[in-house]
């Protein structure tokens, strides 16, 4: 699968870097990247909720720092 989505890219054990139309390198996903994946997923979930608020016509008159870091 080709993707620019960091969540999908980090879910695999390896990822391919394409450059100038060819394979530039193959990267093995490290244990630290796997741990960081859960943090990225939490932020992604928060962004999805924020987008949903805006699409529903809601305002974002609340503390975003608390929203993201609580």
PDB file of N, CA and C in Angstrom:
ATOM      1  N   UNK A   1       0.845  -1.166   0.000  1.00  0.00           N
ATOM      2  CA  UNK A   1       0.000   0.000   0.000  1.00  0.00           C
ATOM      3  C   UNK A   1       0.898   1.238   0.000  1.00  0.00           C
ATOM      4  N   UNK A   2       0.537   2.203  -0.801  1.00  0.00           N
ATOM      5  CA  UNK A   2       1.246   3.486  -0.804  1.00  0.00           C
ATOM      6  C   UNK A   2       0.409   4.487  -0.013  1.00  0.00           C
ATOM      7  N   UNK A   3       1.052   5.226   0.872  1.00  0.00           N
ATOM      8  CA  UNK A   3       0.303   6.173   1.693  1.00  0.00           C
ATOM      9  C   UNK A   3       1.192   7.306   2.177  1.00  0.00           C
ATOM     10  N   UNK A   4       0.557   8.431   2.409  1.00  0.00           N
ATOM     11  CA  UNK A   4       1.220   9.559   3.066  1.00  0.00           C
ATOM     12  C   UNK A   4       0.731   9.675   4.505  1.00  0.00           C
ATOM     13  N   UNK A   5      -0.139   8.758   4.909  1.00  0.00           N
ATOM     14  CA  UNK A   5      -0.717   8.772   6.249  1.00  0.00           C
ATOM     15  C   UNK A   5       0.282   8.156   7.230  1.00  0.00           C
ATOM     16  N   UNK A   6       0.768   8.939   8.195  1.00  0.00           N
ATOM     17  CA  UNK A   6       1.766   8.401   9.122  1.00  0.00           C
ATOM     18  C   UNK A   6       1.239   7.244   9.969  1.00  0.00           C
ATOM     19  N   UNK A   7      -0.047   7.244  10.262  1.00  0.00           N
ATOM     20  CA  UNK A   7      -0.611   6.159  11.066  1.00  0.00           C
ATOM     21  C   UNK A   7      -0.543   4.843  10.297  1.00  0.00           C
ATOM     22  N   UNK A   8      -0.986   4.865   9.052  1.00  0.00           N
ATOM     23  CA  UNK A   8      -0.922   3.648   8.246  1.00  0.00           C
ATOM     24  C   UNK A   8       0.522   3.212   8.014  1.00  0.00           C
ATOM     25  N   UNK A   9       1.392   4.176   7.768  1.00  0.00           N
ATOM     26  CA  UNK A   9       2.800   3.856   7.506  1.00  0.00           C
ATOM     27  C   UNK A   9       3.449   3.184   8.710  1.00  0.00           C
ATOM     28  N   UNK A  10       3.133   3.654   9.909  1.00  0.00           N
ATOM     29  CA  UNK A  10       3.767   3.111  11.112  1.00  0.00           C
ATOM     30  C   UNK A  10       3.120   1.818  11.606  1.00  0.00           C
ATOM     31  N   UNK A  11       1.946   1.487  11.079  1.00  0.00           N
ATOM     32  CA  UNK A  11       1.290   0.243  11.481  1.00  0.00           C
ATOM     33  C   UNK A  11       2.020  -0.980  10.933  1.00  0.00           C
ATOM     34  N   UNK A  12       2.710  -0.794   9.832  1.00  0.00           N
ATOM     35  CA  UNK A  12       3.432  -1.915   9.233  1.00  0.00           C
ATOM     36  C   UNK A  12       4.791  -2.115   9.883  1.00  0.00           C
ATOM     37  N   UNK A  13       5.402  -3.240   9.587  1.00  0.00           N
ATOM     38  CA  UNK A  13       6.734  -3.522  10.115  1.00  0.00           C
ATOM     39  C   UNK A  13       7.832  -2.850   9.302  1.00  0.00           C
ATOM     40  N   UNK A  14       7.515  -2.558   8.032  1.00  0.00           N
ATOM     41  CA  UNK A  14       8.475  -1.869   7.169  1.00  0.00           C
ATOM     42  C   UNK A  14       7.719  -0.899   6.273  1.00  0.00           C
ATOM     43  N   UNK A  15       8.452   0.105   5.795  1.00  0.00           N
ATOM     44  CA  UNK A  15       7.860   1.031   4.841  1.00  0.00           C
ATOM     45  C   UNK A  15       8.889   1.358   3.769  1.00  0.00           C
ATOM     46  N   UNK A  16       8.378   1.640   2.594  1.00  0.00           N
ATOM     47  CA  UNK A  16       9.223   1.923   1.437  1.00  0.00           C
ATOM     48  C   UNK A  16       9.213   3.418   1.184  1.00  0.00           C
ATOM     49  N   UNK A  17      10.377   3.973   0.945  1.00  0.00           N
ATOM     50  CA  UNK A  17      10.505   5.385   0.597  1.00  0.00           C
ATOM     51  C   UNK A  17      10.704   5.455  -0.915  1.00  0.00           C
ATOM     52  N   UNK A  18       9.790   6.150  -1.584  1.00  0.00           N
ATOM     53  CA  UNK A  18       9.853   6.324  -3.032  1.00  0.00           C
ATOM     54  C   UNK A  18      10.475   7.679  -3.328  1.00  0.00           C
ATOM     55  N   UNK A  19      11.415   7.709  -4.249  1.00  0.00           N
ATOM     56  CA  UNK A  19      12.047   8.966  -4.653  1.00  0.00           C
ATOM     57  C   UNK A  19      12.322   8.900  -6.148  1.00  0.00           C
ATOM     58  N   UNK A  20      11.924   9.938  -6.847  1.00  0.00           N
ATOM     59  CA  UNK A  20      12.117  10.004  -8.302  1.00  0.00           C
ATOM     60  C   UNK A  20      11.558   8.773  -9.014  1.00  0.00           C
ATOM     61  N   UNK A  21      10.418   8.288  -8.528  1.00  0.00           N
ATOM     62  CA  UNK A  21       9.733   7.183  -9.180  1.00  0.00           C
ATOM     63  C   UNK A  21      10.263   5.798  -8.864  1.00  0.00           C
ATOM     64  N   UNK A  22      11.239   5.703  -7.983  1.00  0.00           N
ATOM     65  CA  UNK A  22      11.790   4.392  -7.648  1.00  0.00           C
ATOM     66  C   UNK A  22      11.965   4.226  -6.153  1.00  0.00           C
ATOM     67  N   UNK A  23      12.250   3.012  -5.745  1.00  0.00           N
ATOM     68  CA  UNK A  23      12.472   2.736  -4.326  1.00  0.00           C
ATOM     69  C   UNK A  23      13.806   3.337  -3.917  1.00  0.00           C
ATOM     70  N   UNK A  24      13.753   4.235  -2.944  1.00  0.00           N
ATOM     71  CA  UNK A  24      14.958   4.888  -2.447  1.00  0.00           C
ATOM     72  C   UNK A  24      15.551   4.121  -1.272  1.00  0.00           C
ATOM     73  N   UNK A  25      14.663   3.672  -0.377  1.00  0.00           N
ATOM     74  CA  UNK A  25      15.120   2.857   0.750  1.00  0.00           C
ATOM     75  C   UNK A  25      13.934   2.162   1.402  1.00  0.00           C
ATOM     76  N   UNK A  26      14.256   1.165   2.190  1.00  0.00           N
ATOM     77  CA  UNK A  26      13.256   0.436   2.964  1.00  0.00           C
ATOM     78  C   UNK A  26      13.610   0.631   4.432  1.00  0.00           C
ATOM     79  N   UNK A  27      12.622   1.085   5.204  1.00  0.00           N
ATOM     80  CA  UNK A  27      12.837   1.391   6.616  1.00  0.00           C
ATOM     81  C   UNK A  27      12.061   0.391   7.466  1.00  0.00           C
ATOM     82  N   UNK A  28      12.738  -0.194   8.427  1.00  0.00           N
ATOM     83  CA  UNK A  28      12.078  -1.060   9.401  1.00  0.00           C
ATOM     84  C   UNK A  28      11.525  -0.178  10.517  1.00  0.00           C
ATOM     85  N   UNK A  29      10.253  -0.373  10.829  1.00  0.00           N
ATOM     86  CA  UNK A  29       9.614   0.409  11.881  1.00  0.00           C
ATOM     87  C   UNK A  29      10.212   0.015  13.227  1.00  0.00           C
ATOM     88  N   UNK A  30      10.729   1.011  13.940  1.00  0.00           N
ATOM     89  CA  UNK A  30      11.388   0.749  15.224  1.00  0.00           C
ATOM     90  C   UNK A  30      10.364   0.616  16.351  1.00  0.00           C
ATOM     91  N   UNK A  31      10.819   0.104  17.470  1.00  0.00           N
ATOM     92  CA  UNK A  31       9.937  -0.035  18.634  1.00  0.00           C
ATOM     93  C   UNK A  31       9.507   1.338  19.154  1.00  0.00           C
ATOM     94  N   UNK A  32      10.382   2.324  19.056  1.00  0.00           N
ATOM     95  CA  UNK A  32      10.022   3.685  19.486  1.00  0.00           C
ATOM     96  C   UNK A  32       8.927   4.248  18.581  1.00  0.00           C
ATOM     97  N   UNK A  33       9.041   3.999  17.275  1.00  0.00           N
ATOM     98  CA  UNK A  33       7.995   4.457  16.354  1.00  0.00           C
ATOM     99  C   UNK A  33       6.672   3.778  16.667  1.00  0.00           C
ATOM    100  N   UNK A  34       6.711   2.497  16.998  1.00  0.00           N
ATOM    101  CA  UNK A  34       5.479   1.786  17.365  1.00  0.00           C
ATOM    102  C   UNK A  34       4.857   2.399  18.622  1.00  0.00           C
ATOM    103  N   UNK A  35       5.691   2.763  19.600  1.00  0.00           N
ATOM    104  CA  UNK A  35       5.186   3.415  20.810  1.00  0.00           C
ATOM    105  C   UNK A  35       4.607   4.787  20.472  1.00  0.00           C
ATOM    106  N   UNK A  36       5.288   5.529  19.621  1.00  0.00           N
ATOM    107  CA  UNK A  36       4.815   6.859  19.232  1.00  0.00           C
ATOM    108  C   UNK A  36       3.531   6.792  18.421  1.00  0.00           C
ATOM    109  N   UNK A  37       3.292   5.669  17.768  1.00  0.00           N
ATOM    110  CA  UNK A  37       2.075   5.498  16.981  1.00  0.00           C
ATOM    111  C   UNK A  37       0.837   5.720  17.837  1.00  0.00           C
ATOM    112  N   UNK A  38       0.829   5.217  19.055  1.00  0.00           N
ATOM    113  CA  UNK A  38      -0.350   5.388  19.917  1.00  0.00           C
ATOM    114  C   UNK A  38      -0.577   6.861  20.246  1.00  0.00           C
ATOM    115  N   UNK A  39       0.491   7.624  20.402  1.00  0.00           N
ATOM    116  CA  UNK A  39       0.360   9.064  20.663  1.00  0.00           C
ATOM    117  C   UNK A  39      -0.182   9.770  19.428  1.00  0.00           C
ATOM    118  N   UNK A  40       0.339   9.418  18.264  1.00  0.00           N
ATOM    119  CA  UNK A  40      -0.135  10.013  17.008  1.00  0.00           C
ATOM    120  C   UNK A  40      -1.611   9.704  16.812  1.00  0.00           C
ATOM    121  N   UNK A  41      -2.019   8.477  17.132  1.00  0.00           N
ATOM    122  CA  UNK A  41      -3.424   8.099  16.991  1.00  0.00           C
ATOM    123  C   UNK A  41      -4.322   8.921  17.918  1.00  0.00           C
ATOM    124  N   UNK A  42      -3.860   9.195  19.125  1.00  0.00           N
ATOM    125  CA  UNK A  42      -4.650  10.008  20.057  1.00  0.00           C
ATOM    126  C   UNK A  42      -4.831  11.425  19.523  1.00  0.00           C
ATOM    127  N   UNK A  43      -3.754  12.010  18.985  1.00  0.00           N
ATOM    128  CA  UNK A  43      -3.867  13.345  18.403  1.00  0.00           C
ATOM    129  C   UNK A  43      -4.775  13.331  17.175  1.00  0.00           C
ATOM    130  N   UNK A  44      -4.686  12.286  16.380  1.00  0.00           N
ATOM    131  CA  UNK A  44      -5.538  12.163  15.201  1.00  0.00           C
ATOM    132  C   UNK A  44      -7.008  12.094  15.609  1.00  0.00           C
ATOM    133  N   UNK A  45      -7.305  11.328  16.656  1.00  0.00           N
ATOM    134  CA  UNK A  45      -8.682  11.247  17.162  1.00  0.00           C
ATOM    135  C   UNK A  45      -9.182  12.619  17.609  1.00  0.00           C
ATOM    136  N   UNK A  46      -8.310  13.373  18.285  1.00  0.00           N
ATOM    137  CA  UNK A  46      -8.690  14.718  18.734  1.00  0.00           C
ATOM    138  C   UNK A  46      -8.969  15.624  17.537  1.00  0.00           C
ATOM    139  N   UNK A  47      -8.124  15.552  16.505  1.00  0.00           N
ATOM    140  CA  UNK A  47      -8.338  16.371  15.308  1.00  0.00           C
ATOM    141  C   UNK A  47      -9.642  16.000  14.615  1.00  0.00           C
ATOM    142  N   UNK A  48      -9.958  14.713  14.567  1.00  0.00           N
ATOM    143  CA  UNK A  48     -11.220  14.285  13.969  1.00  0.00           C
ATOM    144  C   UNK A  48     -12.409  14.860  14.735  1.00  0.00           C
ATOM    145  N   UNK A  49     -12.331  14.861  16.067  1.00  0.00           N
ATOM    146  CA  UNK A  49     -13.405  15.445  16.880  1.00  0.00           C
ATOM    147  C   UNK A  49     -13.530  16.942  16.626  1.00  0.00           C
ATOM    148  N   UNK A  50     -12.395  17.624  16.529  1.00  0.00           N
ATOM    149  CA  UNK A  50     -12.396  19.059  16.266  1.00  0.00           C
ATOM    150  C   UNK A  50     -13.018  19.355  14.902  1.00  0.00           C
ATOM    151  N   UNK A  51     -12.649  18.588  13.900  1.00  0.00           N
ATOM    152  CA  UNK A  51     -13.233  18.762  12.560  1.00  0.00           C
ATOM    153  C   UNK A  51     -14.739  18.527  12.592  1.00  0.00           C
ATOM    154  N   UNK A  52     -15.156  17.522  13.342  1.00  0.00           N
ATOM    155  CA  UNK A  52     -16.577  17.217  13.455  1.00  0.00           C
ATOM    156  C   UNK A  52     -17.340  18.377  14.088  1.00  0.00           C
ATOM    157  N   UNK A  53     -16.757  18.990  15.122  1.00  0.00           N
ATOM    158  CA  UNK A  53     -17.375  20.168  15.745  1.00  0.00           C
ATOM    159  C   UNK A  53     -17.581  21.269  14.708  1.00  0.00           C
ATOM    160  N   UNK A  54     -16.544  21.548  13.944  1.00  0.00           N
ATOM    161  CA  UNK A  54     -16.620  22.627  12.954  1.00  0.00           C
ATOM    162  C   UNK A  54     -17.617  22.306  11.851  1.00  0.00           C
ATOM    163  N   UNK A  55     -17.641  21.072  11.395  1.00  0.00           N
ATOM    164  CA  UNK A  55     -18.585  20.678  10.340  1.00  0.00           C
ATOM    165  C   UNK A  55     -20.027  20.763  10.817  1.00  0.00           C
ATOM    166  N   UNK A  56     -20.226  20.570  12.117  1.00  0.00           N
ATOM    167  CA  UNK A  56     -21.578  20.641  12.687  1.00  0.00           C
ATOM    168  C   UNK A  56     -22.026  22.074  12.941  1.00  0.00           C
ATOM    169  N   UNK A  57     -21.131  23.018  12.670  1.00  0.00           N
ATOM    170  CA  UNK A  57     -21.472  24.420  12.889  1.00  0.00           C
ATOM    171  C   UNK A  57     -21.170  24.903  14.289  1.00  0.00           C
ATOM    172  N   UNK A  58     -20.512  24.078  15.078  1.00  0.00           N
ATOM    173  CA  UNK A  58     -20.150  24.482  16.435  1.00  0.00           C
ATOM    174  C   UNK A  58     -18.941  25.406  16.401  1.00  0.00           C
ATOM    175  N   UNK A  59     -18.811  26.201  17.437  1.00  0.00           N
ATOM    176  CA  UNK A  59     -17.626  27.052  17.557  1.00  0.00           C
ATOM    177  C   UNK A  59     -16.569  26.301  18.362  1.00  0.00           C
ATOM    178  N   UNK A  60     -15.366  26.790  18.278  1.00  0.00           N
ATOM    179  CA  UNK A  60     -14.288  26.181  19.066  1.00  0.00           C
ATOM    180  C   UNK A  60     -13.817  27.186  20.111  1.00  0.00           C
ATOM    181  N   UNK A  61     -14.795  27.752  20.829  1.00  0.00           N
ATOM    182  CA  UNK A  61     -14.504  28.688  21.912  1.00  0.00           C
ATOM    183  C   UNK A  61     -14.238  27.911  23.197  1.00  0.00           C
ATOM    184  N   UNK A  62     -13.216  27.108  23.154  1.00  0.00           N
ATOM    185  CA  UNK A  62     -12.800  26.374  24.341  1.00  0.00           C
ATOM    186  C   UNK A  62     -11.281  26.257  24.303  1.00  0.00           C
ATOM    187  N   UNK A  63     -10.726  25.844  25.401  1.00  0.00           N
ATOM    188  CA  UNK A  63      -9.273  25.771  25.552  1.00  0.00           C
ATOM    189  C   UNK A  63      -8.716  24.594  24.747  1.00  0.00           C
ATOM    190  N   UNK A  64      -8.080  24.899  23.622  1.00  0.00           N
ATOM    191  CA  UNK A  64      -7.530  23.842  22.782  1.00  0.00           C
ATOM    192  C   UNK A  64      -6.367  23.117  23.460  1.00  0.00           C
ATOM    193  N   UNK A  65      -5.625  23.823  24.281  1.00  0.00           N
ATOM    194  CA  UNK A  65      -4.532  23.164  24.999  1.00  0.00           C
ATOM    195  C   UNK A  65      -5.096  22.059  25.886  1.00  0.00           C
ATOM    196  N   UNK A  66      -6.152  22.377  26.608  1.00  0.00           N
ATOM    197  CA  UNK A  66      -6.794  21.369  27.456  1.00  0.00           C
ATOM    198  C   UNK A  66      -7.409  20.261  26.601  1.00  0.00           C
ATOM    199  N   UNK A  67      -8.003  20.645  25.476  1.00  0.00           N
ATOM    200  CA  UNK A  67      -8.628  19.684  24.564  1.00  0.00           C
ATOM    201  C   UNK A  67      -7.614  18.645  24.077  1.00  0.00           C
ATOM    202  N   UNK A  68      -6.436  19.113  23.697  1.00  0.00           N
ATOM    203  CA  UNK A  68      -5.432  18.207  23.145  1.00  0.00           C
ATOM    204  C   UNK A  68      -4.616  17.478  24.204  1.00  0.00           C
ATOM    205  N   UNK A  69      -4.394  18.095  25.337  1.00  0.00           N
ATOM    206  CA  UNK A  69      -3.461  17.525  26.305  1.00  0.00           C
ATOM    207  C   UNK A  69      -4.113  16.955  27.557  1.00  0.00           C
ATOM    208  N   UNK A  70      -5.433  16.907  27.599  1.00  0.00           N
ATOM    209  CA  UNK A  70      -6.077  16.334  28.790  1.00  0.00           C
ATOM    210  C   UNK A  70      -6.353  14.860  28.603  1.00  0.00           C
TER     211      UNK A  70
END
